[in-house]
Amino acid sequence: MEQTNWSPEHSDALRKHLAERLTFSAIVKAINLKFRTAYTRNAAIGRAKRMGLAGSDRPQPLLQAKPPRLEKIIKPRPVEPGSAALRWPTPPLKAQELPKLRCAEVEPRHLSLIELERGDCHYPYGGDEEGEAITFCGHPRRPGSSYCAPHFHLSRNPVAPPEREFTAVWLRIVETA
């Protein structure tokens, strides 16, 4: 915290304005204007407390009148529990057909995470139920992917065109250079 050293003239002005029952905001504006200082409202409050001038006898700012409560404007009508006035309309629930899951035409090896080796497919199986173990495919994975070729294609959008081989792109780049 920055230590403020109030000069005696500033303290006297604070004491005078407090006697006039001004708010601390008004006091700070007057002192800053008169002495060309940059005191804050909190600095004036702290100084007044240290001088023993800030107490509970200070006038409190007038509180704005509270808006009238809704019950005074509109008289509530008693409503029976379970009546239609309390319920939101709920849409009828229709039985939905579960989506058909896509499967890869590969029989997974069901390896645990510890059993997986560097070049094995990381496609997960299981873990759907509480406490069910998660296993992984474990077949040799496709270069540049974490999955084997069938799982790689399964994880991509089936409508999208298949990826082009990167070697053809490199050949085109080399030919243009």
N, C-alpha and C. Protein backbone atom coordinates (compact mmCIF):
# COMPACT_ATOMS: atom_id res chain seq x y z
N MET A 1 0.84 -1.19 0.00
CA MET A 1 0.00 0.00 0.00
C MET A 1 0.88 1.24 0.00
N GLU A 2 0.41 2.25 -0.68
CA GLU A 2 1.17 3.49 -0.74
C GLU A 2 0.83 4.35 0.47
N GLN A 3 1.86 4.80 1.14
CA GLN A 3 1.68 5.65 2.30
C GLN A 3 1.36 7.06 1.82
N THR A 4 0.26 7.65 2.30
CA THR A 4 -0.06 9.02 1.92
C THR A 4 0.27 9.93 3.08
N ASN A 5 0.93 10.98 2.77
CA ASN A 5 1.27 11.97 3.80
C ASN A 5 0.40 13.19 3.59
N TRP A 6 -0.63 13.29 4.38
CA TRP A 6 -1.53 14.41 4.29
C TRP A 6 -0.89 15.60 4.99
N SER A 7 -0.83 16.70 4.29
CA SER A 7 -0.29 17.91 4.93
C SER A 7 -1.34 18.44 5.91
N PRO A 8 -0.93 19.26 6.88
CA PRO A 8 -1.90 19.80 7.85
C PRO A 8 -3.03 20.60 7.19
N GLU A 9 -2.71 21.29 6.09
CA GLU A 9 -3.77 22.05 5.41
C GLU A 9 -4.83 21.12 4.83
N HIS A 10 -4.37 20.01 4.28
CA HIS A 10 -5.31 19.05 3.70
C HIS A 10 -6.17 18.42 4.78
N SER A 11 -5.54 18.08 5.92
CA SER A 11 -6.29 17.49 7.04
C SER A 11 -7.30 18.48 7.59
N ASP A 12 -6.91 19.76 7.66
CA ASP A 12 -7.85 20.78 8.15
C ASP A 12 -9.04 20.93 7.20
N ALA A 13 -8.78 20.89 5.89
CA ALA A 13 -9.87 20.97 4.92
C ALA A 13 -10.78 19.76 5.05
N LEU A 14 -10.20 18.59 5.27
CA LEU A 14 -11.00 17.38 5.47
C LEU A 14 -11.89 17.54 6.70
N ARG A 15 -11.30 18.01 7.79
CA ARG A 15 -12.06 18.22 9.05
C ARG A 15 -13.19 19.22 8.82
N LYS A 16 -12.90 20.32 8.10
CA LYS A 16 -13.91 21.36 7.85
C LYS A 16 -15.08 20.81 7.03
N HIS A 17 -14.75 20.05 5.96
CA HIS A 17 -15.81 19.52 5.09
C HIS A 17 -16.62 18.42 5.80
N LEU A 18 -15.95 17.67 6.68
CA LEU A 18 -16.70 16.67 7.46
C LEU A 18 -17.68 17.36 8.40
N ALA A 19 -17.27 18.50 8.96
CA ALA A 19 -18.17 19.26 9.83
C ALA A 19 -19.36 19.80 9.05
N GLU A 20 -19.16 20.06 7.75
CA GLU A 20 -20.26 20.53 6.91
C GLU A 20 -21.15 19.38 6.46
N ARG A 21 -20.81 18.13 6.86
CA ARG A 21 -21.58 16.92 6.59
C ARG A 21 -21.64 16.59 5.10
N LEU A 22 -20.53 16.86 4.38
CA LEU A 22 -20.45 16.50 2.97
C LEU A 22 -20.09 15.01 2.85
N THR A 23 -20.39 14.44 1.73
CA THR A 23 -19.99 13.05 1.50
C THR A 23 -18.50 13.01 1.19
N PHE A 24 -17.89 11.84 1.35
CA PHE A 24 -16.47 11.71 1.11
C PHE A 24 -16.14 11.99 -0.36
N SER A 25 -17.01 11.63 -1.27
CA SER A 25 -16.78 11.93 -2.68
C SER A 25 -16.72 13.43 -2.91
N ALA A 26 -17.63 14.17 -2.31
CA ALA A 26 -17.64 15.63 -2.47
C ALA A 26 -16.43 16.25 -1.78
N ILE A 27 -16.05 15.69 -0.64
CA ILE A 27 -14.89 16.22 0.09
C ILE A 27 -13.63 16.05 -0.75
N VAL A 28 -13.45 14.88 -1.34
CA VAL A 28 -12.25 14.61 -2.14
C VAL A 28 -12.22 15.52 -3.36
N LYS A 29 -13.36 15.74 -4.00
CA LYS A 29 -13.39 16.64 -5.15
C LYS A 29 -12.96 18.05 -4.75
N ALA A 30 -13.47 18.51 -3.60
CA ALA A 30 -13.14 19.87 -3.15
C ALA A 30 -11.66 19.97 -2.79
N ILE A 31 -11.12 18.99 -2.09
CA ILE A 31 -9.71 19.04 -1.69
C ILE A 31 -8.80 18.95 -2.91
N ASN A 32 -9.11 18.03 -3.81
CA ASN A 32 -8.29 17.88 -5.01
C ASN A 32 -8.32 19.14 -5.88
N LEU A 33 -9.46 19.79 -5.95
CA LEU A 33 -9.59 21.01 -6.74
C LEU A 33 -8.81 22.16 -6.10
N LYS A 34 -8.92 22.27 -4.80
CA LYS A 34 -8.28 23.37 -4.08
C LYS A 34 -6.77 23.22 -4.02
N PHE A 35 -6.27 22.01 -3.71
CA PHE A 35 -4.84 21.80 -3.50
C PHE A 35 -4.13 21.13 -4.68
N ARG A 36 -4.87 20.85 -5.73
CA ARG A 36 -4.31 20.18 -6.92
C ARG A 36 -3.63 18.86 -6.52
N THR A 37 -4.39 18.04 -5.82
CA THR A 37 -3.91 16.72 -5.39
C THR A 37 -4.71 15.66 -6.13
N ALA A 38 -4.42 14.42 -5.81
CA ALA A 38 -5.14 13.31 -6.46
C ALA A 38 -5.57 12.29 -5.42
N TYR A 39 -6.13 12.76 -4.31
CA TYR A 39 -6.61 11.84 -3.29
C TYR A 39 -7.84 11.08 -3.81
N THR A 40 -8.00 9.87 -3.34
CA THR A 40 -9.18 9.09 -3.68
C THR A 40 -10.16 9.16 -2.53
N ARG A 41 -11.35 8.72 -2.80
CA ARG A 41 -12.38 8.67 -1.77
C ARG A 41 -11.94 7.78 -0.62
N ASN A 42 -11.35 6.62 -0.96
CA ASN A 42 -10.89 5.71 0.10
C ASN A 42 -9.75 6.30 0.91
N ALA A 43 -8.91 7.11 0.28
CA ALA A 43 -7.83 7.77 1.03
C ALA A 43 -8.42 8.74 2.04
N ALA A 44 -9.45 9.46 1.64
CA ALA A 44 -10.10 10.41 2.56
C ALA A 44 -10.79 9.67 3.70
N ILE A 45 -11.42 8.56 3.41
CA ILE A 45 -12.08 7.77 4.46
C ILE A 45 -11.03 7.25 5.44
N GLY A 46 -9.93 6.73 4.91
CA GLY A 46 -8.86 6.22 5.78
C GLY A 46 -8.27 7.31 6.65
N ARG A 47 -8.03 8.49 6.07
CA ARG A 47 -7.48 9.61 6.83
C ARG A 47 -8.46 10.06 7.92
N ALA A 48 -9.74 10.11 7.58
CA ALA A 48 -10.75 10.51 8.57
C ALA A 48 -10.80 9.49 9.71
N LYS A 49 -10.66 8.21 9.41
CA LYS A 49 -10.66 7.19 10.46
C LYS A 49 -9.43 7.34 11.35
N ARG A 50 -8.27 7.60 10.73
CA ARG A 50 -7.06 7.76 11.52
C ARG A 50 -7.13 9.02 12.39
N MET A 51 -7.86 10.02 11.93
CA MET A 51 -8.02 11.25 12.71
C MET A 51 -9.15 11.09 13.73
N GLY A 52 -9.86 9.99 13.68
CA GLY A 52 -10.95 9.75 14.62
C GLY A 52 -12.22 10.50 14.27
N LEU A 53 -12.36 10.90 13.02
CA LEU A 53 -13.52 11.69 12.60
C LEU A 53 -14.60 10.87 11.92
N ALA A 54 -14.26 9.73 11.38
CA ALA A 54 -15.25 8.92 10.67
C ALA A 54 -15.89 7.98 11.68
N GLY A 55 -17.16 8.11 11.86
CA GLY A 55 -17.87 7.26 12.80
C GLY A 55 -19.26 6.95 12.31
N SER A 56 -20.04 6.36 13.19
CA SER A 56 -21.39 5.97 12.82
C SER A 56 -22.34 7.16 12.78
N ASP A 57 -21.90 8.33 13.31
CA ASP A 57 -22.78 9.49 13.28
C ASP A 57 -22.75 10.21 11.94
N ARG A 58 -21.95 9.71 10.97
CA ARG A 58 -21.92 10.30 9.63
C ARG A 58 -23.26 10.09 8.96
N PRO A 59 -23.73 11.05 8.19
CA PRO A 59 -25.01 10.86 7.51
C PRO A 59 -24.87 9.79 6.43
N GLN A 60 -25.81 8.91 6.39
CA GLN A 60 -25.83 7.86 5.38
C GLN A 60 -26.49 8.41 4.13
N PRO A 61 -26.00 8.04 2.95
CA PRO A 61 -26.66 8.52 1.74
C PRO A 61 -28.07 7.96 1.66
N LEU A 62 -28.94 8.75 1.07
CA LEU A 62 -30.33 8.33 0.96
C LEU A 62 -30.42 7.14 0.01
N LEU A 63 -31.05 6.10 0.48
CA LEU A 63 -31.24 4.93 -0.36
C LEU A 63 -32.42 5.15 -1.27
N GLN A 64 -32.30 4.68 -2.46
CA GLN A 64 -33.40 4.80 -3.39
C GLN A 64 -34.55 3.93 -2.90
N ALA A 65 -35.75 4.40 -3.11
CA ALA A 65 -36.91 3.63 -2.69
C ALA A 65 -36.96 2.33 -3.48
N LYS A 66 -37.25 1.26 -2.77
CA LYS A 66 -37.35 -0.03 -3.43
C LYS A 66 -38.59 -0.05 -4.32
N PRO A 67 -38.49 -0.70 -5.45
CA PRO A 67 -39.68 -0.80 -6.30
C PRO A 67 -40.73 -1.64 -5.59
N PRO A 68 -42.00 -1.35 -5.82
CA PRO A 68 -43.03 -2.12 -5.13
C PRO A 68 -42.97 -3.59 -5.53
N ARG A 69 -43.27 -4.42 -4.58
CA ARG A 69 -43.24 -5.86 -4.84
C ARG A 69 -44.36 -6.23 -5.79
N LEU A 70 -44.16 -7.28 -6.51
CA LEU A 70 -45.10 -7.72 -7.53
C LEU A 70 -46.46 -8.06 -6.91
N GLU A 71 -46.44 -8.58 -5.68
CA GLU A 71 -47.69 -8.95 -5.04
C GLU A 71 -48.59 -7.73 -4.79
N LYS A 72 -47.95 -6.55 -4.63
CA LYS A 72 -48.75 -5.36 -4.39
C LYS A 72 -49.35 -4.81 -5.69
N ILE A 73 -48.71 -5.07 -6.80
CA ILE A 73 -49.22 -4.60 -8.08
C ILE A 73 -50.29 -5.56 -8.60
N ILE A 74 -49.97 -6.84 -8.61
CA ILE A 74 -50.90 -7.85 -9.11
C ILE A 74 -51.23 -8.78 -7.96
N LYS A 75 -52.49 -8.90 -7.68
CA LYS A 75 -52.89 -9.79 -6.59
C LYS A 75 -52.80 -11.23 -7.08
N PRO A 76 -52.00 -12.05 -6.41
CA PRO A 76 -51.88 -13.43 -6.86
C PRO A 76 -53.16 -14.20 -6.61
N ARG A 77 -53.49 -15.04 -7.56
CA ARG A 77 -54.67 -15.89 -7.41
C ARG A 77 -54.21 -17.25 -6.91
N PRO A 78 -54.94 -17.84 -6.01
CA PRO A 78 -54.54 -19.17 -5.55
C PRO A 78 -54.67 -20.19 -6.69
N VAL A 79 -53.68 -21.05 -6.79
CA VAL A 79 -53.65 -22.05 -7.85
C VAL A 79 -53.58 -23.41 -7.20
N GLU A 80 -54.39 -24.31 -7.69
CA GLU A 80 -54.38 -25.66 -7.14
C GLU A 80 -53.14 -26.41 -7.60
N PRO A 81 -52.55 -27.20 -6.70
CA PRO A 81 -51.40 -27.98 -7.13
C PRO A 81 -51.79 -28.97 -8.23
N GLY A 82 -50.95 -29.11 -9.22
CA GLY A 82 -51.21 -30.03 -10.32
C GLY A 82 -52.11 -29.47 -11.39
N SER A 83 -52.50 -28.20 -11.27
CA SER A 83 -53.36 -27.64 -12.30
C SER A 83 -52.54 -27.31 -13.54
N ALA A 84 -53.22 -27.06 -14.63
CA ALA A 84 -52.55 -26.81 -15.90
C ALA A 84 -51.78 -25.50 -15.88
N ALA A 85 -52.10 -24.58 -14.98
CA ALA A 85 -51.42 -23.29 -14.93
C ALA A 85 -49.97 -23.46 -14.50
N LEU A 86 -49.65 -24.51 -13.78
CA LEU A 86 -48.29 -24.70 -13.29
C LEU A 86 -47.44 -25.57 -14.20
N ARG A 87 -48.03 -26.29 -15.12
CA ARG A 87 -47.27 -27.21 -15.95
C ARG A 87 -46.94 -26.61 -17.30
N TRP A 88 -45.73 -26.88 -17.76
CA TRP A 88 -45.34 -26.51 -19.11
C TRP A 88 -45.80 -27.62 -20.04
N PRO A 89 -46.23 -27.27 -21.22
CA PRO A 89 -46.62 -28.33 -22.14
C PRO A 89 -45.39 -29.15 -22.54
N THR A 90 -45.51 -30.44 -22.47
CA THR A 90 -44.39 -31.31 -22.83
C THR A 90 -44.69 -31.95 -24.17
N PRO A 91 -43.70 -31.99 -25.02
CA PRO A 91 -43.92 -32.61 -26.33
C PRO A 91 -44.05 -34.12 -26.15
N PRO A 92 -44.86 -34.75 -26.97
CA PRO A 92 -45.00 -36.21 -26.85
C PRO A 92 -43.69 -36.88 -27.24
N LEU A 93 -43.32 -37.88 -26.46
CA LEU A 93 -42.09 -38.61 -26.74
C LEU A 93 -42.37 -39.74 -27.71
N LYS A 94 -41.53 -39.81 -28.72
CA LYS A 94 -41.67 -40.88 -29.70
C LYS A 94 -40.51 -41.85 -29.51
N ALA A 95 -40.79 -43.10 -29.73
CA ALA A 95 -39.73 -44.09 -29.65
C ALA A 95 -38.78 -43.87 -30.81
N GLN A 96 -37.50 -43.80 -30.50
CA GLN A 96 -36.53 -43.56 -31.55
C GLN A 96 -35.74 -44.84 -31.81
N GLU A 97 -35.44 -45.00 -33.05
CA GLU A 97 -34.67 -46.17 -33.45
C GLU A 97 -33.19 -45.85 -33.24
N LEU A 98 -32.46 -46.78 -32.64
CA LEU A 98 -31.05 -46.57 -32.42
C LEU A 98 -30.31 -46.55 -33.74
N PRO A 99 -29.32 -45.67 -33.88
CA PRO A 99 -28.60 -45.62 -35.15
C PRO A 99 -27.77 -46.89 -35.34
N LYS A 100 -27.65 -47.27 -36.58
CA LYS A 100 -26.87 -48.46 -36.91
C LYS A 100 -25.39 -48.09 -36.80
N LEU A 101 -24.67 -48.84 -36.01
CA LEU A 101 -23.26 -48.58 -35.83
C LEU A 101 -22.47 -49.17 -36.98
N ARG A 102 -21.48 -48.43 -37.41
CA ARG A 102 -20.62 -48.94 -38.47
C ARG A 102 -19.54 -49.81 -37.83
N CYS A 103 -19.17 -50.86 -38.49
CA CYS A 103 -18.15 -51.78 -37.98
C CYS A 103 -17.08 -51.96 -39.04
N ALA A 104 -15.89 -52.21 -38.56
CA ALA A 104 -14.80 -52.53 -39.46
C ALA A 104 -14.76 -54.04 -39.63
N GLU A 105 -14.35 -54.48 -40.82
CA GLU A 105 -14.31 -55.92 -41.08
C GLU A 105 -13.00 -56.51 -40.57
N VAL A 106 -12.67 -56.24 -39.34
CA VAL A 106 -11.45 -56.77 -38.75
C VAL A 106 -11.78 -57.27 -37.35
N GLU A 107 -11.25 -58.39 -36.98
CA GLU A 107 -11.46 -58.94 -35.64
C GLU A 107 -10.39 -58.36 -34.72
N PRO A 108 -10.76 -57.56 -33.73
CA PRO A 108 -9.75 -56.93 -32.88
C PRO A 108 -9.03 -57.95 -32.00
N ARG A 109 -7.83 -57.62 -31.61
CA ARG A 109 -7.04 -58.48 -30.75
C ARG A 109 -7.36 -58.23 -29.28
N HIS A 110 -8.07 -57.16 -28.97
CA HIS A 110 -8.47 -56.78 -27.60
C HIS A 110 -7.27 -56.73 -26.67
N LEU A 111 -6.33 -55.86 -26.97
CA LEU A 111 -5.15 -55.67 -26.14
C LEU A 111 -5.42 -54.57 -25.12
N SER A 112 -4.86 -54.71 -23.94
CA SER A 112 -4.98 -53.65 -22.94
C SER A 112 -3.99 -52.54 -23.30
N LEU A 113 -4.10 -51.43 -22.61
CA LEU A 113 -3.23 -50.30 -22.90
C LEU A 113 -1.77 -50.67 -22.64
N ILE A 114 -1.52 -51.48 -21.66
CA ILE A 114 -0.16 -51.88 -21.32
C ILE A 114 0.40 -52.83 -22.38
N GLU A 115 -0.44 -53.64 -22.97
CA GLU A 115 0.00 -54.61 -23.96
C GLU A 115 0.24 -54.00 -25.34
N LEU A 116 -0.29 -52.80 -25.59
CA LEU A 116 -0.12 -52.17 -26.90
C LEU A 116 1.35 -51.87 -27.15
N GLU A 117 1.78 -52.08 -28.38
CA GLU A 117 3.14 -51.74 -28.76
C GLU A 117 3.11 -50.54 -29.69
N ARG A 118 4.26 -50.06 -30.06
CA ARG A 118 4.38 -48.81 -30.82
C ARG A 118 3.61 -48.81 -32.14
N GLY A 119 3.62 -49.87 -32.89
CA GLY A 119 2.99 -49.90 -34.20
C GLY A 119 1.60 -50.50 -34.20
N ASP A 120 0.94 -50.66 -33.04
CA ASP A 120 -0.38 -51.28 -32.96
C ASP A 120 -1.48 -50.25 -33.12
N CYS A 121 -2.62 -50.69 -33.62
CA CYS A 121 -3.80 -49.84 -33.79
C CYS A 121 -4.38 -49.48 -32.42
N HIS A 122 -4.69 -48.20 -32.23
CA HIS A 122 -5.21 -47.71 -30.95
C HIS A 122 -6.72 -47.54 -30.95
N TYR A 123 -7.44 -48.18 -31.85
CA TYR A 123 -8.89 -48.03 -31.91
C TYR A 123 -9.49 -48.70 -30.67
N PRO A 124 -10.28 -47.97 -29.86
CA PRO A 124 -10.78 -48.52 -28.59
C PRO A 124 -12.03 -49.38 -28.77
N TYR A 125 -12.16 -50.35 -27.88
CA TYR A 125 -13.34 -51.20 -27.77
C TYR A 125 -13.74 -51.24 -26.31
N GLY A 126 -15.05 -51.29 -26.05
CA GLY A 126 -15.55 -51.44 -24.69
C GLY A 126 -15.58 -50.12 -23.94
N GLY A 127 -15.75 -50.24 -22.61
CA GLY A 127 -15.84 -49.06 -21.77
C GLY A 127 -17.19 -48.41 -21.79
N ASP A 128 -18.18 -49.03 -22.46
CA ASP A 128 -19.51 -48.45 -22.55
C ASP A 128 -20.27 -48.58 -21.24
N GLU A 129 -20.09 -49.67 -20.56
CA GLU A 129 -20.80 -49.93 -19.31
C GLU A 129 -19.91 -49.54 -18.13
N GLU A 130 -20.52 -49.36 -16.99
CA GLU A 130 -19.78 -49.01 -15.78
C GLU A 130 -18.84 -50.16 -15.40
N GLY A 131 -17.57 -49.87 -15.30
CA GLY A 131 -16.59 -50.87 -14.90
C GLY A 131 -16.11 -51.76 -16.03
N GLU A 132 -16.62 -51.59 -17.25
CA GLU A 132 -16.19 -52.42 -18.36
C GLU A 132 -14.80 -51.97 -18.81
N ALA A 133 -13.92 -52.93 -19.03
CA ALA A 133 -12.56 -52.62 -19.42
C ALA A 133 -12.51 -52.12 -20.86
N ILE A 134 -11.57 -51.23 -21.13
CA ILE A 134 -11.36 -50.73 -22.48
C ILE A 134 -10.19 -51.49 -23.07
N THR A 135 -10.41 -52.05 -24.26
CA THR A 135 -9.34 -52.74 -24.97
C THR A 135 -9.13 -52.05 -26.31
N PHE A 136 -8.06 -52.45 -27.00
CA PHE A 136 -7.72 -51.80 -28.25
C PHE A 136 -7.55 -52.85 -29.34
N CYS A 137 -7.69 -52.41 -30.60
CA CYS A 137 -7.65 -53.30 -31.75
C CYS A 137 -6.33 -54.08 -31.79
N GLY A 138 -5.20 -53.42 -31.85
CA GLY A 138 -3.91 -54.07 -31.78
C GLY A 138 -3.35 -54.54 -33.10
N HIS A 139 -4.05 -54.42 -34.22
CA HIS A 139 -3.50 -54.81 -35.52
C HIS A 139 -2.47 -53.78 -35.96
N PRO A 140 -1.62 -54.12 -36.91
CA PRO A 140 -0.63 -53.14 -37.37
C PRO A 140 -1.32 -51.89 -37.92
N ARG A 141 -0.82 -50.75 -37.52
CA ARG A 141 -1.50 -49.51 -37.91
C ARG A 141 -1.00 -48.98 -39.24
N ARG A 142 -1.82 -48.15 -39.83
CA ARG A 142 -1.54 -47.52 -41.12
C ARG A 142 -0.47 -46.44 -40.93
N PRO A 143 0.45 -46.26 -41.86
CA PRO A 143 1.48 -45.22 -41.71
C PRO A 143 0.85 -43.84 -41.60
N GLY A 144 1.29 -43.07 -40.65
CA GLY A 144 0.78 -41.71 -40.45
C GLY A 144 -0.53 -41.65 -39.70
N SER A 145 -0.97 -42.75 -39.10
CA SER A 145 -2.24 -42.78 -38.39
C SER A 145 -2.07 -43.58 -37.11
N SER A 146 -3.00 -43.43 -36.19
CA SER A 146 -3.00 -44.22 -34.97
C SER A 146 -3.81 -45.50 -35.13
N TYR A 147 -4.49 -45.63 -36.28
CA TYR A 147 -5.39 -46.76 -36.50
C TYR A 147 -4.90 -47.62 -37.66
N CYS A 148 -5.39 -48.87 -37.67
CA CYS A 148 -5.15 -49.74 -38.82
C CYS A 148 -6.02 -49.21 -39.97
N ALA A 149 -5.81 -49.73 -41.18
CA ALA A 149 -6.52 -49.21 -42.36
C ALA A 149 -8.04 -49.30 -42.22
N PRO A 150 -8.63 -50.44 -41.76
CA PRO A 150 -10.09 -50.46 -41.64
C PRO A 150 -10.63 -49.46 -40.62
N HIS A 151 -9.95 -49.31 -39.50
CA HIS A 151 -10.42 -48.35 -38.49
C HIS A 151 -10.15 -46.92 -38.93
N PHE A 152 -9.11 -46.69 -39.68
CA PHE A 152 -8.85 -45.35 -40.21
C PHE A 152 -10.01 -44.92 -41.10
N HIS A 153 -10.44 -45.79 -42.00
CA HIS A 153 -11.55 -45.44 -42.90
C HIS A 153 -12.87 -45.37 -42.14
N LEU A 154 -12.99 -46.14 -41.07
CA LEU A 154 -14.20 -46.09 -40.26
C LEU A 154 -14.32 -44.76 -39.52
N SER A 155 -13.19 -44.21 -39.12
CA SER A 155 -13.21 -42.96 -38.36
C SER A 155 -13.38 -41.73 -39.24
N ARG A 156 -13.31 -41.88 -40.55
CA ARG A 156 -13.49 -40.77 -41.47
C ARG A 156 -14.92 -40.73 -41.97
N ASN A 157 -15.30 -39.62 -42.56
CA ASN A 157 -16.64 -39.46 -43.11
C ASN A 157 -16.81 -40.42 -44.29
N PRO A 158 -17.79 -41.33 -44.23
CA PRO A 158 -17.91 -42.30 -45.31
C PRO A 158 -18.36 -41.69 -46.64
N VAL A 159 -18.96 -40.49 -46.62
CA VAL A 159 -19.44 -39.86 -47.83
C VAL A 159 -18.30 -39.12 -48.54
N ALA A 160 -17.30 -38.70 -47.78
CA ALA A 160 -16.20 -37.92 -48.35
C ALA A 160 -15.39 -38.79 -49.29
N PRO A 161 -14.84 -38.19 -50.32
CA PRO A 161 -14.02 -38.99 -51.24
C PRO A 161 -12.78 -39.50 -50.53
N PRO A 162 -12.27 -40.64 -50.95
CA PRO A 162 -11.08 -41.18 -50.29
C PRO A 162 -9.89 -40.27 -50.50
N GLU A 163 -8.96 -40.35 -49.55
CA GLU A 163 -7.77 -39.51 -49.61
C GLU A 163 -6.90 -39.90 -50.79
N ARG A 164 -6.27 -38.89 -51.38
CA ARG A 164 -5.31 -39.18 -52.43
C ARG A 164 -3.99 -39.55 -51.79
N GLU A 165 -3.25 -40.31 -52.46
CA GLU A 165 -1.95 -40.68 -51.95
C GLU A 165 -1.04 -39.46 -51.97
N PHE A 166 -0.24 -39.31 -50.95
CA PHE A 166 0.62 -38.15 -50.86
C PHE A 166 1.76 -38.21 -51.87
N THR A 167 2.10 -39.40 -52.36
CA THR A 167 3.20 -39.51 -53.32
C THR A 167 2.85 -38.82 -54.64
N ALA A 168 1.59 -38.88 -55.07
CA ALA A 168 1.19 -38.22 -56.31
C ALA A 168 1.32 -36.71 -56.17
N VAL A 169 1.01 -36.18 -55.02
CA VAL A 169 1.13 -34.75 -54.78
C VAL A 169 2.60 -34.35 -54.83
N TRP A 170 3.45 -35.13 -54.21
CA TRP A 170 4.87 -34.82 -54.21
C TRP A 170 5.44 -34.86 -55.64
N LEU A 171 4.98 -35.81 -56.43
CA LEU A 171 5.45 -35.89 -57.80
C LEU A 171 5.06 -34.64 -58.58
N ARG A 172 3.83 -34.15 -58.38
CA ARG A 172 3.39 -32.95 -59.07
C ARG A 172 4.20 -31.73 -58.64
N ILE A 173 4.51 -31.65 -57.35
CA ILE A 173 5.29 -30.52 -56.86
C ILE A 173 6.70 -30.57 -57.44
N VAL A 174 7.28 -31.75 -57.49
CA VAL A 174 8.64 -31.90 -58.02
C VAL A 174 8.67 -31.59 -59.51
N GLU A 175 7.64 -32.00 -60.24
CA GLU A 175 7.61 -31.75 -61.68
C GLU A 175 7.50 -30.26 -61.99
N THR A 176 6.75 -29.50 -61.18
CA THR A 176 6.58 -28.07 -61.44
C THR A 176 7.82 -27.28 -61.07
N ALA A 177 8.65 -27.81 -60.20
CA ALA A 177 9.83 -27.07 -59.75
C ALA A 177 10.94 -27.16 -60.70
